[in-house]
C-alpha atoms as a PDB file:
ATOM      1  CA  UNK A   1     -18.585  25.768 -17.181  1.00  0.00           C
ATOM      2  CA  UNK A   2     -15.216  27.562 -18.792  1.00  0.00           C
ATOM      3  CA  UNK A   3     -13.508  25.915 -21.388  1.00  0.00           C
ATOM      4  CA  UNK A   4     -11.286  28.826 -21.969  1.00  0.00           C
ATOM      5  CA  UNK A   5      -7.543  28.537 -21.313  1.00  0.00           C
ATOM      6  CA  UNK A   6      -5.790  31.156 -18.981  1.00  0.00           C
ATOM      7  CA  UNK A   7      -3.898  33.146 -20.169  1.00  0.00           C
ATOM      8  CA  UNK A   8      -0.225  32.992 -18.801  1.00  0.00           C
ATOM      9  CA  UNK A   9       2.208  35.630 -18.653  1.00  0.00           C
ATOM     10  CA  UNK A  10       5.651  34.389 -17.418  1.00  0.00           C
ATOM     11  CA  UNK A  11       6.558  37.695 -16.243  1.00  0.00           C
ATOM     12  CA  UNK A  12       4.551  37.339 -13.175  1.00  0.00           C
ATOM     13  CA  UNK A  13       5.408  35.254 -10.242  1.00  0.00           C
ATOM     14  CA  UNK A  14       3.070  33.497  -7.718  1.00  0.00           C
ATOM     15  CA  UNK A  15       3.807  31.368  -4.594  1.00  0.00           C
ATOM     16  CA  UNK A  16       2.717  27.472  -5.764  1.00  0.00           C
ATOM     17  CA  UNK A  17       1.744  25.027  -3.604  1.00  0.00           C
ATOM     18  CA  UNK A  18       1.898  21.304  -4.985  1.00  0.00           C
ATOM     19  CA  UNK A  19       1.068  18.259  -3.677  1.00  0.00           C
ATOM     20  CA  UNK A  20       2.276  15.144  -4.837  1.00  0.00           C
ATOM     21  CA  UNK A  21       5.470  17.286  -5.669  1.00  0.00           C
ATOM     22  CA  UNK A  22       7.938  14.522  -5.201  1.00  0.00           C
ATOM     23  CA  UNK A  23       6.097  11.720  -8.129  1.00  0.00           C
ATOM     24  CA  UNK A  24       5.800  11.444 -11.508  1.00  0.00           C
ATOM     25  CA  UNK A  25       3.761  13.971 -12.724  1.00  0.00           C
ATOM     26  CA  UNK A  26       4.643  16.264  -9.813  1.00  0.00           C
ATOM     27  CA  UNK A  27       8.266  15.899 -10.226  1.00  0.00           C
ATOM     28  CA  UNK A  28       8.910  17.710 -13.947  1.00  0.00           C
ATOM     29  CA  UNK A  29       6.188  20.017 -12.500  1.00  0.00           C
ATOM     30  CA  UNK A  30       8.111  21.165 -10.059  1.00  0.00           C
ATOM     31  CA  UNK A  31      10.843  22.087 -12.072  1.00  0.00           C
ATOM     32  CA  UNK A  32       9.254  23.793 -14.586  1.00  0.00           C
ATOM     33  CA  UNK A  33       7.377  26.060 -12.049  1.00  0.00           C
ATOM     34  CA  UNK A  34      10.381  26.909 -10.534  1.00  0.00           C
ATOM     35  CA  UNK A  35      12.131  28.089 -13.852  1.00  0.00           C
ATOM     36  CA  UNK A  36       9.679  30.334 -14.187  1.00  0.00           C
ATOM     37  CA  UNK A  37      10.505  31.833 -10.926  1.00  0.00           C
ATOM     38  CA  UNK A  38       7.780  30.585  -8.827  1.00  0.00           C
ATOM     39  CA  UNK A  39       8.298  29.945  -5.620  1.00  0.00           C
ATOM     40  CA  UNK A  40       7.387  26.623  -4.715  1.00  0.00           C
ATOM     41  CA  UNK A  41       6.140  24.895  -1.732  1.00  0.00           C
ATOM     42  CA  UNK A  42       6.477  20.936  -2.007  1.00  0.00           C
ATOM     43  CA  UNK A  43       4.371  18.871   0.146  1.00  0.00           C
ATOM     44  CA  UNK A  44       4.949  15.918   1.832  1.00  0.00           C
ATOM     45  CA  UNK A  45       5.106  13.981   4.764  1.00  0.00           C
ATOM     46  CA  UNK A  46       8.815  14.077   4.910  1.00  0.00           C
ATOM     47  CA  UNK A  47       9.464  17.447   4.163  1.00  0.00           C
ATOM     48  CA  UNK A  48      11.659  19.226   6.343  1.00  0.00           C
ATOM     49  CA  UNK A  49      10.284  23.103   5.544  1.00  0.00           C
ATOM     50  CA  UNK A  50       6.503  21.760   5.109  1.00  0.00           C
ATOM     51  CA  UNK A  51       5.756  18.508   6.414  1.00  0.00           C
ATOM     52  CA  UNK A  52       2.120  17.596   6.057  1.00  0.00           C
ATOM     53  CA  UNK A  53      -0.400  14.965   6.059  1.00  0.00           C
ATOM     54  CA  UNK A  54      -3.057  15.061   3.859  1.00  0.00           C
ATOM     55  CA  UNK A  55      -5.025  12.192   5.100  1.00  0.00           C
ATOM     56  CA  UNK A  56      -5.010  14.250   8.739  1.00  0.00           C
ATOM     57  CA  UNK A  57      -4.773  18.081   6.808  1.00  0.00           C
ATOM     58  CA  UNK A  58      -1.929  18.186   9.793  1.00  0.00           C
ATOM     59  CA  UNK A  59       0.514  20.643   8.740  1.00  0.00           C
ATOM     60  CA  UNK A  60      -1.553  22.411   5.890  1.00  0.00           C
ATOM     61  CA  UNK A  61      -2.759  25.505   7.379  1.00  0.00           C
ATOM     62  CA  UNK A  62       1.331  26.409   7.716  1.00  0.00           C
ATOM     63  CA  UNK A  63       1.914  25.510   4.095  1.00  0.00           C
ATOM     64  CA  UNK A  64      -1.117  27.152   2.990  1.00  0.00           C
ATOM     65  CA  UNK A  65      -0.052  30.891   4.461  1.00  0.00           C
ATOM     66  CA  UNK A  66       0.002  33.180   1.191  1.00  0.00           C
ATOM     67  CA  UNK A  67      -0.670  30.953  -1.045  1.00  0.00           C
ATOM     68  CA  UNK A  68      -2.452  32.428  -4.065  1.00  0.00           C
ATOM     69  CA  UNK A  69      -2.101  29.174  -6.547  1.00  0.00           C
ATOM     70  CA  UNK A  70      -2.701  25.515  -5.518  1.00  0.00           C
ATOM     71  CA  UNK A  71      -1.571  22.528  -8.273  1.00  0.00           C
ATOM     72  CA  UNK A  72      -3.352  19.206  -6.547  1.00  0.00           C
ATOM     73  CA  UNK A  73      -1.424  16.146  -7.572  1.00  0.00           C
ATOM     74  CA  UNK A  74      -1.821  13.441  -5.185  1.00  0.00           C
ATOM     75  CA  UNK A  75      -3.038  10.894  -5.434  1.00  0.00           C
ATOM     76  CA  UNK A  76      -3.439   7.102  -4.223  1.00  0.00           C
ATOM     77  CA  UNK A  77      -5.399   4.919  -6.143  1.00  0.00           C
ATOM     78  CA  UNK A  78      -5.985   2.763  -2.280  1.00  0.00           C
ATOM     79  CA  UNK A  79      -8.313   5.496  -1.758  1.00  0.00           C
ATOM     80  CA  UNK A  80      -9.048   8.203   0.232  1.00  0.00           C
ATOM     81  CA  UNK A  81      -8.674  11.249  -2.381  1.00  0.00           C
ATOM     82  CA  UNK A  82     -11.405  12.218  -1.044  1.00  0.00           C
ATOM     83  CA  UNK A  83     -10.523  13.048   2.351  1.00  0.00           C
ATOM     84  CA  UNK A  84      -7.508  14.315   1.262  1.00  0.00           C
ATOM     85  CA  UNK A  85      -8.996  17.015  -1.070  1.00  0.00           C
ATOM     86  CA  UNK A  86     -11.763  17.869   2.040  1.00  0.00           C
ATOM     87  CA  UNK A  87      -8.730  18.749   3.409  1.00  0.00           C
ATOM     88  CA  UNK A  88      -7.156  20.850   1.178  1.00  0.00           C
ATOM     89  CA  UNK A  89     -10.444  22.622   0.205  1.00  0.00           C
ATOM     90  CA  UNK A  90     -10.666  23.911   4.056  1.00  0.00           C
ATOM     91  CA  UNK A  91      -7.293  24.930   4.330  1.00  0.00           C
ATOM     92  CA  UNK A  92      -7.870  27.053   1.124  1.00  0.00           C
ATOM     93  CA  UNK A  93     -10.552  28.702   2.583  1.00  0.00           C
ATOM     94  CA  UNK A  94      -9.148  29.580   5.683  1.00  0.00           C
ATOM     95  CA  UNK A  95      -5.957  30.947   4.345  1.00  0.00           C
ATOM     96  CA  UNK A  96      -7.758  33.282   2.339  1.00  0.00           C
ATOM     97  CA  UNK A  97      -5.077  33.988  -0.168  1.00  0.00           C
ATOM     98  CA  UNK A  98      -5.636  30.745  -2.938  1.00  0.00           C
ATOM     99  CA  UNK A  99      -7.264  32.197  -6.282  1.00  0.00           C
ATOM    100  CA  UNK A 100      -6.650  29.438  -8.047  1.00  0.00           C
ATOM    101  CA  UNK A 101      -6.770  25.601  -7.284  1.00  0.00           C
ATOM    102  CA  UNK A 102      -5.465  23.529 -10.264  1.00  0.00           C
ATOM    103  CA  UNK A 103      -7.010  19.634  -9.883  1.00  0.00           C
ATOM    104  CA  UNK A 104      -5.479  17.143 -12.582  1.00  0.00           C
ATOM    105  CA  UNK A 105      -8.059  14.663 -13.458  1.00  0.00           C
ATOM    106  CA  UNK A 106      -8.909  11.900 -15.999  1.00  0.00           C
ATOM    107  CA  UNK A 107     -10.706  11.409 -19.247  1.00  0.00           C
ATOM    108  CA  UNK A 108     -12.947   9.085 -18.253  1.00  0.00           C
ATOM    109  CA  UNK A 109     -13.696   9.402 -14.759  1.00  0.00           C
ATOM    110  CA  UNK A 110     -17.565  10.448 -15.629  1.00  0.00           C
ATOM    111  CA  UNK A 111     -17.838   7.021 -17.598  1.00  0.00           C
ATOM    112  CA  UNK A 112     -15.875   4.233 -16.910  1.00  0.00           C
ATOM    113  CA  UNK A 113     -17.239   2.523 -13.377  1.00  0.00           C
ATOM    114  CA  UNK A 114     -13.735   2.148 -11.845  1.00  0.00           C
ATOM    115  CA  UNK A 115     -13.140   2.877  -8.132  1.00  0.00           C
ATOM    116  CA  UNK A 116     -10.650   4.921  -8.341  1.00  0.00           C
ATOM    117  CA  UNK A 117     -12.395   7.064 -11.299  1.00  0.00           C
ATOM    118  CA  UNK A 118     -15.164   7.761  -9.296  1.00  0.00           C
ATOM    119  CA  UNK A 119     -13.456   9.120  -6.689  1.00  0.00           C
ATOM    120  CA  UNK A 120     -11.450  11.664  -8.390  1.00  0.00           C
ATOM    121  CA  UNK A 121     -15.225  12.362 -10.251  1.00  0.00           C
ATOM    122  CA  UNK A 122     -16.083  13.387  -6.980  1.00  0.00           C
ATOM    123  CA  UNK A 123     -13.441  15.505  -5.995  1.00  0.00           C
ATOM    124  CA  UNK A 124     -14.150  16.966  -9.337  1.00  0.00           C
ATOM    125  CA  UNK A 125     -17.402  18.109  -8.078  1.00  0.00           C
ATOM    126  CA  UNK A 126     -15.804  19.219  -4.613  1.00  0.00           C
ATOM    127  CA  UNK A 127     -13.873  21.431  -5.826  1.00  0.00           C
ATOM    128  CA  UNK A 128     -16.456  22.899  -8.095  1.00  0.00           C
ATOM    129  CA  UNK A 129     -18.582  22.962  -5.048  1.00  0.00           C
ATOM    130  CA  UNK A 130     -16.496  24.388  -2.712  1.00  0.00           C
ATOM    131  CA  UNK A 131     -16.728  28.294  -3.645  1.00  0.00           C
ATOM    132  CA  UNK A 132     -12.850  28.860  -4.631  1.00  0.00           C
ATOM    133  CA  UNK A 133     -11.626  29.454  -7.609  1.00  0.00           C
ATOM    134  CA  UNK A 134     -10.388  25.962  -9.556  1.00  0.00           C
ATOM    135  CA  UNK A 135      -8.777  24.577 -12.673  1.00  0.00           C
ATOM    136  CA  UNK A 136      -9.450  21.012 -13.553  1.00  0.00           C
ATOM    137  CA  UNK A 137      -7.775  19.629 -16.701  1.00  0.00           C
ATOM    138  CA  UNK A 138      -8.669  15.603 -17.808  1.00  0.00           C
ATOM    139  CA  UNK A 139      -6.058  13.875 -19.661  1.00  0.00           C
ATOM    140  CA  UNK A 140      -5.483  10.276 -21.026  1.00  0.00           C
ATOM    141  CA  UNK A 141      -2.860   7.498 -19.189  1.00  0.00           C
ATOM    142  CA  UNK A 142       0.819   8.685 -18.872  1.00  0.00           C
ATOM    143  CA  UNK A 143       3.533   6.807 -21.111  1.00  0.00           C
ATOM    144  CA  UNK A 144       4.583   5.392 -17.427  1.00  0.00           C
ATOM    145  CA  UNK A 145       1.267   3.176 -16.767  1.00  0.00           C
ATOM    146  CA  UNK A 146       1.564   1.560 -19.736  1.00  0.00           C
ATOM    147  CA  UNK A 147       4.781   0.591 -19.318  1.00  0.00           C
ATOM    148  CA  UNK A 148       4.098  -0.460 -15.631  1.00  0.00           C
ATOM    149  CA  UNK A 149       0.971  -2.670 -16.783  1.00  0.00           C
ATOM    150  CA  UNK A 150       2.832  -4.449 -18.977  1.00  0.00           C
ATOM    151  CA  UNK A 151       6.407  -4.795 -16.463  1.00  0.00           C
ATOM    152  CA  UNK A 152       3.592  -6.256 -13.894  1.00  0.00           C
ATOM    153  CA  UNK A 153       1.945  -8.335 -16.968  1.00  0.00           C
ATOM    154  CA  UNK A 154       5.476  -9.917 -17.944  1.00  0.00           C
ATOM    155  CA  UNK A 155       6.619 -11.267 -14.303  1.00  0.00           C
ATOM    156  CA  UNK A 156       3.856 -14.042 -14.408  1.00  0.00           C
ATOM    157  CA  UNK A 157       5.001 -16.987 -15.056  1.00  0.00           C
ATOM    158  CA  UNK A 158       3.226 -17.413 -18.412  1.00  0.00           C
ATOM    159  CA  UNK A 159       5.147 -17.668 -21.794  1.00  0.00           C
ATOM    160  CA  UNK A 160       3.060 -15.117 -23.588  1.00  0.00           C
ATOM    161  CA  UNK A 161       2.329 -11.647 -21.529  1.00  0.00           C
ATOM    162  CA  UNK A 162      -1.496 -11.206 -20.927  1.00  0.00           C
ATOM    163  CA  UNK A 163      -3.116  -7.946 -21.411  1.00  0.00           C
ATOM    164  CA  UNK A 164      -6.640  -7.125 -21.993  1.00  0.00           C
ATOM    165  CA  UNK A 165      -7.834  -7.704 -25.251  1.00  0.00           C
ATOM    166  CA  UNK A 166      -9.991  -5.102 -27.009  1.00  0.00           C
ATOM    167  CA  UNK A 167      -8.873  -2.374 -25.031  1.00  0.00           C
ATOM    168  CA  UNK A 168      -7.698   1.078 -26.855  1.00  0.00           C
ATOM    169  CA  UNK A 169      -5.246   3.723 -25.093  1.00  0.00           C
ATOM    170  CA  UNK A 170      -4.675   6.880 -25.583  1.00  0.00           C
ATOM    171  CA  UNK A 171      -1.552   7.324 -23.890  1.00  0.00           C
ATOM    172  CA  UNK A 172       0.713  10.837 -23.456  1.00  0.00           C
ATOM    173  CA  UNK A 173       3.998  11.934 -22.137  1.00  0.00           C
ATOM    174  CA  UNK A 174       3.970  12.741 -18.517  1.00  0.00           C
ATOM    175  CA  UNK A 175       6.558  15.840 -19.193  1.00  0.00           C
ATOM    176  CA  UNK A 176       4.088  17.713 -21.415  1.00  0.00           C
ATOM    177  CA  UNK A 177       0.717  17.568 -19.374  1.00  0.00           C
ATOM    178  CA  UNK A 178       3.505  19.045 -16.311  1.00  0.00           C
ATOM    179  CA  UNK A 179       3.992  21.662 -19.055  1.00  0.00           C
ATOM    180  CA  UNK A 180       0.407  22.064 -19.023  1.00  0.00           C
ATOM    181  CA  UNK A 181      -0.403  22.100 -15.750  1.00  0.00           C
ATOM    182  CA  UNK A 182       2.475  24.398 -15.499  1.00  0.00           C
ATOM    183  CA  UNK A 183       0.595  26.900 -17.351  1.00  0.00           C
ATOM    184  CA  UNK A 184      -2.279  26.688 -15.826  1.00  0.00           C
ATOM    185  CA  UNK A 185      -0.696  27.614 -12.477  1.00  0.00           C
ATOM    186  CA  UNK A 186      -1.917  31.340 -12.537  1.00  0.00           C
ATOM    187  CA  UNK A 187      -3.915  33.025 -10.234  1.00  0.00           C
ATOM    188  CA  UNK A 188      -6.753  33.364 -12.975  1.00  0.00           C
ATOM    189  CA  UNK A 189      -8.708  29.889 -12.707  1.00  0.00           C
ATOM    190  CA  UNK A 190      -9.341  28.178 -15.949  1.00  0.00           C
ATOM    191  CA  UNK A 191     -13.092  26.022 -14.655  1.00  0.00           C
ATOM    192  CA  UNK A 192     -13.200  22.731 -16.050  1.00  0.00           C
ATOM    193  CA  UNK A 193     -10.012  23.099 -19.344  1.00  0.00           C
ATOM    194  CA  UNK A 194      -9.980  21.349 -22.850  1.00  0.00           C
ATOM    195  CA  UNK A 195      -9.066  17.043 -21.669  1.00  0.00           C
ATOM    196  CA  UNK A 196      -4.836  16.417 -23.001  1.00  0.00           C
ATOM    197  CA  UNK A 197      -4.862  13.578 -25.187  1.00  0.00           C
ATOM    198  CA  UNK A 198      -1.864  11.655 -26.691  1.00  0.00           C
ATOM    199  CA  UNK A 199      -0.981  12.124 -30.241  1.00  0.00           C
ATOM    200  CA  UNK A 200      -1.914   8.520 -30.591  1.00  0.00           C
ATOM    201  CA  UNK A 201      -4.779   5.502 -30.072  1.00  0.00           C
ATOM    202  CA  UNK A 202      -3.375   2.319 -29.838  1.00  0.00           C
ATOM    203  CA  UNK A 203      -5.043  -1.429 -28.576  1.00  0.00           C
ATOM    204  CA  UNK A 204      -3.337  -2.654 -25.426  1.00  0.00           C
ATOM    205  CA  UNK A 205      -2.161  -5.395 -26.735  1.00  0.00           C
ATOM    206  CA  UNK A 206      -0.166  -3.497 -29.556  1.00  0.00           C
ATOM    207  CA  UNK A 207       1.548  -1.180 -27.217  1.00  0.00           C
ATOM    208  CA  UNK A 208       2.632  -3.991 -24.799  1.00  0.00           C
ATOM    209  CA  UNK A 209       4.197  -5.728 -28.228  1.00  0.00           C
ATOM    210  CA  UNK A 210       6.060  -2.173 -28.905  1.00  0.00           C
ATOM    211  CA  UNK A 211       6.906  -1.777 -25.035  1.00  0.00           C
ATOM    212  CA  UNK A 212       8.251  -5.442 -24.734  1.00  0.00           C
ATOM    213  CA  UNK A 213      10.420  -5.375 -28.342  1.00  0.00           C
ATOM    214  CA  UNK A 214      12.120  -1.662 -27.369  1.00  0.00           C
ATOM    215  CA  UNK A 215      13.045  -3.161 -24.327  1.00  0.00           C
ATOM    216  CA  UNK A 216      14.422  -6.096 -25.690  1.00  0.00           C
ATOM    217  CA  UNK A 217      12.541  -8.571 -24.400  1.00  0.00           C
ATOM    218  CA  UNK A 218      11.171 -11.639 -26.762  1.00  0.00           C
ATOM    219  CA  UNK A 219       8.107 -12.156 -25.322  1.00  0.00           C
ATOM    220  CA  UNK A 220       4.290 -13.192 -27.549  1.00  0.00           C
ATOM    221  CA  UNK A 221       1.532 -10.862 -26.118  1.00  0.00           C
ATOM    222  CA  UNK A 222      -1.407 -12.882 -25.036  1.00  0.00           C
ATOM    223  CA  UNK A 223      -4.841 -10.813 -25.396  1.00  0.00           C
ATOM    224  CA  UNK A 224      -7.118 -11.846 -22.914  1.00  0.00           C
ATOM    225  CA  UNK A 225     -11.218 -10.815 -22.376  1.00  0.00           C
ATOM    226  CA  UNK A 226     -12.237  -9.918 -19.255  1.00  0.00           C
ATOM    227  CA  UNK A 227     -15.667  -9.061 -18.131  1.00  0.00           C
ATOM    228  CA  UNK A 228     -17.243  -6.386 -15.903  1.00  0.00           C
ATOM    229  CA  UNK A 229     -19.431  -3.007 -16.357  1.00  0.00           C
ATOM    230  CA  UNK A 230     -15.594  -1.532 -16.297  1.00  0.00           C
ATOM    231  CA  UNK A 231     -14.042  -3.782 -18.877  1.00  0.00           C
ATOM    232  CA  UNK A 232     -16.812  -2.892 -21.068  1.00  0.00           C
ATOM    233  CA  UNK A 233     -16.523   0.749 -20.727  1.00  0.00           C
ATOM    234  CA  UNK A 234     -12.972   0.839 -21.682  1.00  0.00           C
ATOM    235  CA  UNK A 235     -13.759  -1.572 -24.588  1.00  0.00           C
ATOM    236  CA  UNK A 236     -16.057   1.464 -25.613  1.00  0.00           C
ATOM    237  CA  UNK A 237     -13.010   4.164 -25.588  1.00  0.00           C
ATOM    238  CA  UNK A 238     -14.342   6.493 -22.711  1.00  0.00           C
ATOM    239  CA  UNK A 239     -11.058   6.714 -21.498  1.00  0.00           C
ATOM    240  CA  UNK A 240     -10.057   8.026 -24.775  1.00  0.00           C
ATOM    241  CA  UNK A 241      -9.772  11.769 -25.670  1.00  0.00           C
ATOM    242  CA  UNK A 242      -9.801  11.671 -29.834  1.00  0.00           C
ATOM    243  CA  UNK A 243     -10.621  15.128 -30.633  1.00  0.00           C
ATOM    244  CA  UNK A 244      -8.140  16.197 -28.203  1.00  0.00           C
ATOM    245  CA  UNK A 245      -4.905  14.763 -29.349  1.00  0.00           C
ATOM    246  CA  UNK A 246      -2.726  17.240 -28.401  1.00  0.00           C
ATOM    247  CA  UNK A 247       0.104  15.347 -27.100  1.00  0.00           C
ATOM    248  CA  UNK A 248       3.380  14.905 -29.269  1.00  0.00           C
ATOM    249  CA  UNK A 249       5.750  12.244 -27.799  1.00  0.00           C
ATOM    250  CA  UNK A 250       4.517   8.468 -29.055  1.00  0.00           C
ATOM    251  CA  UNK A 251       4.726   5.288 -26.787  1.00  0.00           C
ATOM    252  CA  UNK A 252       7.134   4.142 -29.682  1.00  0.00           C
ATOM    253  CA  UNK A 253       8.863   6.865 -29.133  1.00  0.00           C
ATOM    254  CA  UNK A 254       8.702   6.630 -25.054  1.00  0.00           C
ATOM    255  CA  UNK A 255       9.759   2.726 -25.387  1.00  0.00           C
ATOM    256  CA  UNK A 256      12.647   2.970 -27.397  1.00  0.00           C
ATOM    257  CA  UNK A 257      13.816   5.746 -24.988  1.00  0.00           C
ATOM    258  CA  UNK A 258      13.435   3.318 -21.671  1.00  0.00           C
ATOM    259  CA  UNK A 259      15.139   0.467 -24.338  1.00  0.00           C
ATOM    260  CA  UNK A 260      18.318   2.517 -24.528  1.00  0.00           C
END
């Protein structure tokens, strides 16, 4: 598979369909695409212009008409991503105008046996076998996800905040991922492009301490060992991309912003 970066010509504008365009990643991506002059169609079940249900495929044909580039950001940890991708692939084939289907995936989907990761890998393989032009970008976890893990753990009644021990994380700013996806949203597909990782690798307990301090919570962190194949894969660093540490914003900088 190709690892070359597509050439991005800011003078060309395209009709771009974005799934998950109202989410954490989708919002900054849509904003960047519109700033670049692209016509952007944001898919959601509640959209006034393009009401689409990816779980059933209802409304997809109308939304896909005349689209040259699709950026697939919609995802559900609860399951069903493979079904949604199947509907998207079929609609893109029927449209006949889609030249590049860009998919955001996760570093480690091929080595970490988490159910959600397995489904993301299945979607990658569906796209590669679809006969469509595709671009697949894997990134490490977003800063927001680390913060969410710590926020959830800090709601527990225990005084120390429990977080998995021995797990290292390489978080990346969602805005930087959005910028990369905007560059990839061109008619020329890139195949599997180089992974994108955050600038630093830290243990999850250390990141939890950084985040709690930045958000003015005087709580101790309790590293907790877990069991199972998924935990072992994370401990081995299957979720890391040390040779692709291309991000710029550190987690400490992100946490400081959340604490203001």
